């Protein structure tokens, strides 16, 4: 089960080129190691950026 708040925060950081709190580098989708979260965040990003 994934937490939707975590998904929105991670997606926003990725889209806005925010910092990864663990590495202090730009947050990338590849930084997400949990496959469930990665898939949900990827789907969320695709849904929110459709038409851009």
PDB file of N, CA and C in Angstrom:
ATOM      1  N   UNK A   1       0.841  -1.165   0.000  1.00  0.00           N
ATOM      2  CA  UNK A   1       0.000   0.000   0.000  1.00  0.00           C
ATOM      3  C   UNK A   1       0.899   1.246   0.000  1.00  0.00           C
ATOM      4  N   UNK A   2       0.626   2.163  -0.898  1.00  0.00           N
ATOM      5  CA  UNK A   2       1.432   3.374  -0.983  1.00  0.00           C
ATOM      6  C   UNK A   2       0.681   4.554  -0.382  1.00  0.00           C
ATOM      7  N   UNK A   3       1.432   5.484   0.153  1.00  0.00           N
ATOM      8  CA  UNK A   3       0.875   6.679   0.759  1.00  0.00           C
ATOM      9  C   UNK A   3       0.804   7.754  -0.324  1.00  0.00           C
ATOM     10  N   UNK A   4      -0.394   8.238  -0.611  1.00  0.00           N
ATOM     11  CA  UNK A   4      -0.600   9.217  -1.680  1.00  0.00           C
ATOM     12  C   UNK A   4       0.117  10.539  -1.412  1.00  0.00           C
ATOM     13  N   UNK A   5       0.258  10.903  -0.149  1.00  0.00           N
ATOM     14  CA  UNK A   5       0.962  12.136   0.191  1.00  0.00           C
ATOM     15  C   UNK A   5       2.434  12.006  -0.191  1.00  0.00           C
ATOM     16  N   UNK A   6       3.023  10.869   0.108  1.00  0.00           N
ATOM     17  CA  UNK A   6       4.418  10.616  -0.249  1.00  0.00           C
ATOM     18  C   UNK A   6       4.580  10.640  -1.765  1.00  0.00           C
ATOM     19  N   UNK A   7       3.629  10.067  -2.480  1.00  0.00           N
ATOM     20  CA  UNK A   7       3.671  10.051  -3.941  1.00  0.00           C
ATOM     21  C   UNK A   7       3.650  11.479  -4.478  1.00  0.00           C
ATOM     22  N   UNK A   8       2.755  12.314  -3.973  1.00  0.00           N
ATOM     23  CA  UNK A   8       2.660  13.703  -4.444  1.00  0.00           C
ATOM     24  C   UNK A   8       3.929  14.495  -4.140  1.00  0.00           C
ATOM     25  N   UNK A   9       4.485  14.308  -2.959  1.00  0.00           N
ATOM     26  CA  UNK A   9       5.705  15.024  -2.576  1.00  0.00           C
ATOM     27  C   UNK A   9       6.869  14.602  -3.454  1.00  0.00           C
ATOM     28  N   UNK A  10       7.049  13.298  -3.631  1.00  0.00           N
ATOM     29  CA  UNK A  10       8.150  12.805  -4.461  1.00  0.00           C
ATOM     30  C   UNK A  10       7.993  13.253  -5.905  1.00  0.00           C
ATOM     31  N   UNK A  11       6.791  13.171  -6.431  1.00  0.00           N
ATOM     32  CA  UNK A  11       6.541  13.598  -7.813  1.00  0.00           C
ATOM     33  C   UNK A  11       6.822  15.086  -7.980  1.00  0.00           C
ATOM     34  N   UNK A  12       6.405  15.890  -7.014  1.00  0.00           N
ATOM     35  CA  UNK A  12       6.654  17.330  -7.090  1.00  0.00           C
ATOM     36  C   UNK A  12       8.145  17.623  -7.070  1.00  0.00           C
ATOM     37  N   UNK A  13       8.891  16.926  -6.243  1.00  0.00           N
ATOM     38  CA  UNK A  13      10.345  17.128  -6.190  1.00  0.00           C
ATOM     39  C   UNK A  13      10.995  16.734  -7.505  1.00  0.00           C
ATOM     40  N   UNK A  14      10.533  15.649  -8.098  1.00  0.00           N
ATOM     41  CA  UNK A  14      11.092  15.208  -9.370  1.00  0.00           C
ATOM     42  C   UNK A  14      10.765  16.218 -10.469  1.00  0.00           C
ATOM     43  N   UNK A  15       9.521  16.637 -10.543  1.00  0.00           N
ATOM     44  CA  UNK A  15       9.094  17.574 -11.586  1.00  0.00           C
ATOM     45  C   UNK A  15       9.742  18.950 -11.444  1.00  0.00           C
ATOM     46  N   UNK A  16       9.981  19.380 -10.226  1.00  0.00           N
ATOM     47  CA  UNK A  16      10.546  20.708  -9.975  1.00  0.00           C
ATOM     48  C   UNK A  16      12.057  20.689  -9.795  1.00  0.00           C
ATOM     49  N   UNK A  17      12.653  19.530 -10.073  1.00  0.00           N
ATOM     50  CA  UNK A  17      14.105  19.354  -9.909  1.00  0.00           C
ATOM     51  C   UNK A  17      14.550  19.721  -8.489  1.00  0.00           C
ATOM     52  N   UNK A  18      13.745  19.270  -7.527  1.00  0.00           N
ATOM     53  CA  UNK A  18      14.063  19.497  -6.124  1.00  0.00           C
ATOM     54  C   UNK A  18      15.147  18.551  -5.651  1.00  0.00           C
ATOM     55  N   UNK A  19      15.586  18.747  -4.435  1.00  0.00           N
ATOM     56  CA  UNK A  19      16.679  17.947  -3.897  1.00  0.00           C
ATOM     57  C   UNK A  19      16.174  16.673  -3.230  1.00  0.00           C
ATOM     58  N   UNK A  20      16.956  15.621  -3.411  1.00  0.00           N
ATOM     59  CA  UNK A  20      16.733  14.368  -2.707  1.00  0.00           C
ATOM     60  C   UNK A  20      17.259  14.573  -1.292  1.00  0.00           C
ATOM     61  N   UNK A  21      16.427  14.401  -0.270  1.00  0.00           N
ATOM     62  CA  UNK A  21      16.876  14.653   1.098  1.00  0.00           C
ATOM     63  C   UNK A  21      18.014  13.733   1.553  1.00  0.00           C
ATOM     64  N   UNK A  22      18.134  12.571   0.957  1.00  0.00           N
ATOM     65  CA  UNK A  22      19.202  11.639   1.343  1.00  0.00           C
ATOM     66  C   UNK A  22      20.556  12.034   0.770  1.00  0.00           C
ATOM     67  N   UNK A  23      20.566  12.490  -0.487  1.00  0.00           N
ATOM     68  CA  UNK A  23      21.833  12.718  -1.183  1.00  0.00           C
ATOM     69  C   UNK A  23      22.138  14.186  -1.437  1.00  0.00           C
ATOM     70  N   UNK A  24      21.189  15.064  -1.235  1.00  0.00           N
ATOM     71  CA  UNK A  24      21.318  16.490  -1.543  1.00  0.00           C
ATOM     72  C   UNK A  24      21.624  16.732  -3.018  1.00  0.00           C
ATOM     73  N   UNK A  25      21.259  15.786  -3.854  1.00  0.00           N
ATOM     74  CA  UNK A  25      21.370  15.919  -5.299  1.00  0.00           C
ATOM     75  C   UNK A  25      19.965  16.095  -5.857  1.00  0.00           C
ATOM     76  N   UNK A  26      19.869  16.456  -7.139  1.00  0.00           N
ATOM     77  CA  UNK A  26      18.563  16.586  -7.776  1.00  0.00           C
ATOM     78  C   UNK A  26      17.845  15.247  -7.699  1.00  0.00           C
ATOM     79  N   UNK A  27      16.573  15.283  -7.302  1.00  0.00           N
ATOM     80  CA  UNK A  27      15.769  14.067  -7.125  1.00  0.00           C
ATOM     81  C   UNK A  27      15.381  13.497  -8.487  1.00  0.00           C
ATOM     82  N   UNK A  28      15.673  12.246  -8.712  1.00  0.00           N
ATOM     83  CA  UNK A  28      15.369  11.563  -9.959  1.00  0.00           C
ATOM     84  C   UNK A  28      14.470  10.368  -9.690  1.00  0.00           C
ATOM     85  N   UNK A  29      13.733   9.967 -10.694  1.00  0.00           N
ATOM     86  CA  UNK A  29      12.888   8.781 -10.555  1.00  0.00           C
ATOM     87  C   UNK A  29      13.740   7.558 -10.224  1.00  0.00           C
ATOM     88  N   UNK A  30      14.945   7.503 -10.740  1.00  0.00           N
ATOM     89  CA  UNK A  30      15.837   6.375 -10.467  1.00  0.00           C
ATOM     90  C   UNK A  30      16.254   6.282  -9.002  1.00  0.00           C
ATOM     91  N   UNK A  31      16.088   7.365  -8.244  1.00  0.00           N
ATOM     92  CA  UNK A  31      16.433   7.352  -6.820  1.00  0.00           C
ATOM     93  C   UNK A  31      15.435   6.536  -5.997  1.00  0.00           C
ATOM     94  N   UNK A  32      14.267   6.268  -6.554  1.00  0.00           N
ATOM     95  CA  UNK A  32      13.229   5.531  -5.825  1.00  0.00           C
ATOM     96  C   UNK A  32      13.472   4.039  -6.021  1.00  0.00           C
ATOM     97  N   UNK A  33      13.789   3.351  -4.937  1.00  0.00           N
ATOM     98  CA  UNK A  33      14.140   1.939  -5.031  1.00  0.00           C
ATOM     99  C   UNK A  33      12.956   1.009  -4.790  1.00  0.00           C
ATOM    100  N   UNK A  34      11.918   1.490  -4.121  1.00  0.00           N
ATOM    101  CA  UNK A  34      10.732   0.677  -3.885  1.00  0.00           C
ATOM    102  C   UNK A  34       9.925   0.614  -5.176  1.00  0.00           C
ATOM    103  N   UNK A  35       9.785  -0.579  -5.730  1.00  0.00           N
ATOM    104  CA  UNK A  35       9.147  -0.732  -7.039  1.00  0.00           C
ATOM    105  C   UNK A  35       7.682  -0.314  -7.039  1.00  0.00           C
ATOM    106  N   UNK A  36       6.981  -0.532  -5.940  1.00  0.00           N
ATOM    107  CA  UNK A  36       5.572  -0.120  -5.864  1.00  0.00           C
ATOM    108  C   UNK A  36       5.458   1.401  -5.934  1.00  0.00           C
ATOM    109  N   UNK A  37       6.259   2.090  -5.133  1.00  0.00           N
ATOM    110  CA  UNK A  37       6.237   3.539  -5.139  1.00  0.00           C
ATOM    111  C   UNK A  37       6.709   4.091  -6.480  1.00  0.00           C
ATOM    112  N   UNK A  38       7.745   3.500  -7.011  1.00  0.00           N
ATOM    113  CA  UNK A  38       8.278   3.984  -8.282  1.00  0.00           C
ATOM    114  C   UNK A  38       7.218   3.947  -9.379  1.00  0.00           C
ATOM    115  N   UNK A  39       6.469   2.858  -9.457  1.00  0.00           N
ATOM    116  CA  UNK A  39       5.435   2.714 -10.481  1.00  0.00           C
ATOM    117  C   UNK A  39       4.309   3.726 -10.275  1.00  0.00           C
ATOM    118  N   UNK A  40       3.877   3.886  -9.034  1.00  0.00           N
ATOM    119  CA  UNK A  40       2.784   4.819  -8.743  1.00  0.00           C
ATOM    120  C   UNK A  40       3.230   6.258  -9.018  1.00  0.00           C
ATOM    121  N   UNK A  41       4.454   6.602  -8.643  1.00  0.00           N
ATOM    122  CA  UNK A  41       4.965   7.952  -8.890  1.00  0.00           C
ATOM    123  C   UNK A  41       5.125   8.196 -10.384  1.00  0.00           C
ATOM    124  N   UNK A  42       5.615   7.214 -11.103  1.00  0.00           N
ATOM    125  CA  UNK A  42       5.743   7.342 -12.554  1.00  0.00           C
ATOM    126  C   UNK A  42       4.376   7.560 -13.201  1.00  0.00           C
ATOM    127  N   UNK A  43       3.382   6.790 -12.786  1.00  0.00           N
ATOM    128  CA  UNK A  43       2.026   6.950 -13.310  1.00  0.00           C
ATOM    129  C   UNK A  43       1.458   8.330 -12.958  1.00  0.00           C
ATOM    130  N   UNK A  44       1.709   8.772 -11.743  1.00  0.00           N
ATOM    131  CA  UNK A  44       1.226  10.087 -11.290  1.00  0.00           C
ATOM    132  C   UNK A  44       1.841  11.195 -12.145  1.00  0.00           C
ATOM    133  N   UNK A  45       3.136  11.115 -12.372  1.00  0.00           N
ATOM    134  CA  UNK A  45       3.828  12.121 -13.191  1.00  0.00           C
ATOM    135  C   UNK A  45       3.272  12.122 -14.613  1.00  0.00           C
ATOM    136  N   UNK A  46       3.092  10.958 -15.174  1.00  0.00           N
ATOM    137  CA  UNK A  46       2.562  10.883 -16.535  1.00  0.00           C
ATOM    138  C   UNK A  46       1.156  11.460 -16.608  1.00  0.00           C
ATOM    139  N   UNK A  47       0.359  11.179 -15.606  1.00  0.00           N
ATOM    140  CA  UNK A  47      -1.019  11.693 -15.571  1.00  0.00           C
ATOM    141  C   UNK A  47      -1.040  13.215 -15.425  1.00  0.00           C
ATOM    142  N   UNK A  48      -0.193  13.750 -14.579  1.00  0.00           N
ATOM    143  CA  UNK A  48      -0.194  15.188 -14.299  1.00  0.00           C
ATOM    144  C   UNK A  48       0.487  16.010 -15.391  1.00  0.00           C
ATOM    145  N   UNK A  49       1.358  15.406 -16.168  1.00  0.00           N
ATOM    146  CA  UNK A  49       2.075  16.151 -17.197  1.00  0.00           C
ATOM    147  C   UNK A  49       1.527  15.896 -18.590  1.00  0.00           C
ATOM    148  N   UNK A  50       0.420  15.200 -18.700  1.00  0.00           N
ATOM    149  CA  UNK A  50      -0.172  14.908 -19.993  1.00  0.00           C
ATOM    150  C   UNK A  50      -0.534  16.211 -20.690  1.00  0.00           C
ATOM    151  N   UNK A  51      -0.088  16.335 -21.933  1.00  0.00           N
ATOM    152  CA  UNK A  51      -0.401  17.513 -22.711  1.00  0.00           C
ATOM    153  C   UNK A  51       0.649  18.608 -22.627  1.00  0.00           C
ATOM    154  N   UNK A  52       1.672  18.368 -21.842  1.00  0.00           N
ATOM    155  CA  UNK A  52       2.746  19.387 -21.744  1.00  0.00           C
ATOM    156  C   UNK A  52       3.737  19.146 -22.859  1.00  0.00           C
TER     157      UNK A  52
END
